[in-house]
Amino acid sequence: MRKFFRFVLAIFAALLLSSAPARADGAYTGKIDGNFKGWEGETIYKLMDGHIIQQALYHYHYHYAYSPNVIIYQGSQGLMIHVEGDDDQDVHIVILK
């Protein structure tokens, strides 16, 4: 589990470094590429900068938005994503690409 956590942190650090203009207070800010329809369990979204994220823990919530802004940050138990304009809880994610 520790190796996995270190791996995720390394990916997150690489993401932040490769997206320097999009950083804000240690968090990555970006935009979903196209329709956002909430979370279903293992939902995958592509971001406008080409990164691909996947929901890591089960949570169901429907919310539609077109290309919403997102904030990805390090939570106490891994990477989290906040979708701006959605009043639901933030969701655990992994970065696939």
C-alpha atoms as a PDB file:
ATOM      1  CA  MET A   1       0.000   0.000   0.000  1.00  0.00           C
ATOM      2  CA  ARG A   2       2.877   2.372   0.779  1.00  0.00           C
ATOM      3  CA  LYS A   3       4.401   1.780  -2.634  1.00  0.00           C
ATOM      4  CA  PHE A   4       1.067   2.565  -4.259  1.00  0.00           C
ATOM      5  CA  PHE A   5       0.720   5.767  -2.209  1.00  0.00           C
ATOM      6  CA  ARG A   6       4.248   6.859  -3.182  1.00  0.00           C
ATOM      7  CA  PHE A   7       3.465   6.046  -6.810  1.00  0.00           C
ATOM      8  CA  VAL A   8       0.317   8.189  -6.717  1.00  0.00           C
ATOM      9  CA  LEU A   9       2.221  11.045  -5.073  1.00  0.00           C
ATOM     10  CA  ALA A  10       4.902  10.826  -7.764  1.00  0.00           C
ATOM     11  CA  ILE A  11       2.265  10.982 -10.491  1.00  0.00           C
ATOM     12  CA  PHE A  12       0.555  13.898  -8.770  1.00  0.00           C
ATOM     13  CA  ALA A  13       3.867  15.752  -8.472  1.00  0.00           C
ATOM     14  CA  ALA A  14       4.592  15.123 -12.157  1.00  0.00           C
ATOM     15  CA  LEU A  15       1.129  16.381 -13.046  1.00  0.00           C
ATOM     16  CA  LEU A  16       1.676  19.564 -11.060  1.00  0.00           C
ATOM     17  CA  LEU A  17       5.100  20.163 -12.565  1.00  0.00           C
ATOM     18  CA  SER A  18       3.884  19.573 -16.107  1.00  0.00           C
ATOM     19  CA  SER A  19       0.978  21.957 -15.586  1.00  0.00           C
ATOM     20  CA  ALA A  20       2.677  24.836 -13.812  1.00  0.00           C
ATOM     21  CA  PRO A  21       0.388  27.593 -15.175  1.00  0.00           C
ATOM     22  CA  ALA A  22      -2.670  25.722 -13.870  1.00  0.00           C
ATOM     23  CA  ARG A  23      -1.471  25.382 -10.251  1.00  0.00           C
ATOM     24  CA  ALA A  24      -3.019  27.219  -7.345  1.00  0.00           C
ATOM     25  CA  ASP A  25      -1.914  26.728  -3.734  1.00  0.00           C
ATOM     26  CA  GLY A  26      -0.538  23.230  -4.341  1.00  0.00           C
ATOM     27  CA  ALA A  27      -3.663  22.044  -6.140  1.00  0.00           C
ATOM     28  CA  TYR A  28      -4.105  21.349  -9.839  1.00  0.00           C
ATOM     29  CA  THR A  29      -6.888  23.216 -11.564  1.00  0.00           C
ATOM     30  CA  GLY A  30      -8.223  22.138 -14.913  1.00  0.00           C
ATOM     31  CA  LYS A  31     -11.337  21.459 -16.942  1.00  0.00           C
ATOM     32  CA  ILE A  32     -13.188  18.309 -17.930  1.00  0.00           C
ATOM     33  CA  ASP A  33     -13.170  17.794 -21.690  1.00  0.00           C
ATOM     34  CA  GLY A  34     -16.849  17.665 -22.615  1.00  0.00           C
ATOM     35  CA  ASN A  35     -19.852  16.422 -20.670  1.00  0.00           C
ATOM     36  CA  PHE A  36     -19.693  15.740 -16.937  1.00  0.00           C
ATOM     37  CA  LYS A  37     -22.496  13.475 -15.746  1.00  0.00           C
ATOM     38  CA  GLY A  38     -21.444  12.815 -12.165  1.00  0.00           C
ATOM     39  CA  TRP A  39     -20.022   9.652 -10.632  1.00  0.00           C
ATOM     40  CA  GLU A  40     -21.068   6.022 -11.034  1.00  0.00           C
ATOM     41  CA  GLY A  41     -18.318   3.978  -9.383  1.00  0.00           C
ATOM     42  CA  GLU A  42     -15.363   3.731 -11.770  1.00  0.00           C
ATOM     43  CA  THR A  43     -16.138   6.785 -13.884  1.00  0.00           C
ATOM     44  CA  ILE A  44     -13.379   8.012 -16.189  1.00  0.00           C
ATOM     45  CA  TYR A  45     -12.983  11.568 -17.478  1.00  0.00           C
ATOM     46  CA  LYS A  46     -10.490  13.208 -19.804  1.00  0.00           C
ATOM     47  CA  LEU A  47      -9.265  16.675 -18.902  1.00  0.00           C
ATOM     48  CA  MET A  48      -8.685  19.424 -21.459  1.00  0.00           C
ATOM     49  CA  ASP A  49      -4.902  19.117 -21.040  1.00  0.00           C
ATOM     50  CA  GLY A  50      -4.999  15.411 -21.994  1.00  0.00           C
ATOM     51  CA  HIS A  51      -4.789  13.875 -18.520  1.00  0.00           C
ATOM     52  CA  ILE A  52      -7.208  11.058 -17.768  1.00  0.00           C
ATOM     53  CA  ILE A  53      -8.612  10.496 -14.281  1.00  0.00           C
ATOM     54  CA  GLN A  54     -10.677   7.650 -12.852  1.00  0.00           C
ATOM     55  CA  GLN A  55     -12.889   7.497  -9.810  1.00  0.00           C
ATOM     56  CA  ALA A  56     -11.103   5.366  -7.193  1.00  0.00           C
ATOM     57  CA  LEU A  57     -13.807   4.663  -4.588  1.00  0.00           C
ATOM     58  CA  TYR A  58     -17.480   3.942  -5.149  1.00  0.00           C
ATOM     59  CA  HIS A  59     -19.808   6.907  -4.895  1.00  0.00           C
ATOM     60  CA  TYR A  60     -22.909   7.579  -6.984  1.00  0.00           C
ATOM     61  CA  HIS A  61     -24.068  11.095  -7.751  1.00  0.00           C
ATOM     62  CA  TYR A  62     -25.637  12.572 -10.892  1.00  0.00           C
ATOM     63  CA  HIS A  63     -24.852  16.131 -11.880  1.00  0.00           C
ATOM     64  CA  TYR A  64     -24.688  17.407 -15.445  1.00  0.00           C
ATOM     65  CA  ALA A  65     -22.329  20.160 -16.525  1.00  0.00           C
ATOM     66  CA  TYR A  66     -20.505  20.914 -19.754  1.00  0.00           C
ATOM     67  CA  SER A  67     -16.721  21.183 -19.341  1.00  0.00           C
ATOM     68  CA  PRO A  68     -16.767  22.154 -15.662  1.00  0.00           C
ATOM     69  CA  ASN A  69     -13.668  23.428 -13.897  1.00  0.00           C
ATOM     70  CA  VAL A  70     -12.090  20.961 -11.475  1.00  0.00           C
ATOM     71  CA  ILE A  71      -9.618  21.153  -8.625  1.00  0.00           C
ATOM     72  CA  ILE A  72      -7.456  18.095  -7.904  1.00  0.00           C
ATOM     73  CA  TYR A  73      -5.730  18.078  -4.546  1.00  0.00           C
ATOM     74  CA  GLN A  74      -4.012  15.760  -2.093  1.00  0.00           C
ATOM     75  CA  GLY A  75      -6.486  14.670   0.570  1.00  0.00           C
ATOM     76  CA  SER A  76      -5.688  12.756   3.732  1.00  0.00           C
ATOM     77  CA  GLN A  77      -6.286   9.423   1.952  1.00  0.00           C
ATOM     78  CA  GLY A  78      -5.186  10.155  -1.596  1.00  0.00           C
ATOM     79  CA  LEU A  79      -6.039  12.367  -4.539  1.00  0.00           C
ATOM     80  CA  MET A  80      -9.412  14.089  -4.498  1.00  0.00           C
ATOM     81  CA  ILE A  81     -11.321  15.987  -7.155  1.00  0.00           C
ATOM     82  CA  HIS A  82     -13.743  18.846  -6.650  1.00  0.00           C
ATOM     83  CA  VAL A  83     -16.042  19.714  -9.543  1.00  0.00           C
ATOM     84  CA  GLU A  84     -16.934  23.395  -9.426  1.00  0.00           C
ATOM     85  CA  GLY A  85     -20.661  24.038  -9.440  1.00  0.00           C
ATOM     86  CA  ASP A  86     -21.450  20.594  -8.008  1.00  0.00           C
ATOM     87  CA  ASP A  87     -22.474  20.708  -4.354  1.00  0.00           C
ATOM     88  CA  ASP A  88     -21.813  16.996  -3.793  1.00  0.00           C
ATOM     89  CA  GLN A  89     -18.817  15.612  -1.894  1.00  0.00           C
ATOM     90  CA  ASP A  90     -15.374  15.533  -3.465  1.00  0.00           C
ATOM     91  CA  VAL A  91     -14.409  12.157  -4.925  1.00  0.00           C
ATOM     92  CA  HIS A  92     -11.241  10.034  -4.615  1.00  0.00           C
ATOM     93  CA  ILE A  93      -9.471   9.595  -7.963  1.00  0.00           C
ATOM     94  CA  VAL A  94      -6.414   8.068  -9.599  1.00  0.00           C
ATOM     95  CA  ILE A  95      -4.615   9.572 -12.551  1.00  0.00           C
ATOM     96  CA  LEU A  96      -4.449   7.120 -15.457  1.00  0.00           C
ATOM     97  CA  LYS A  97      -2.502   9.377 -17.816  1.00  0.00           C
END
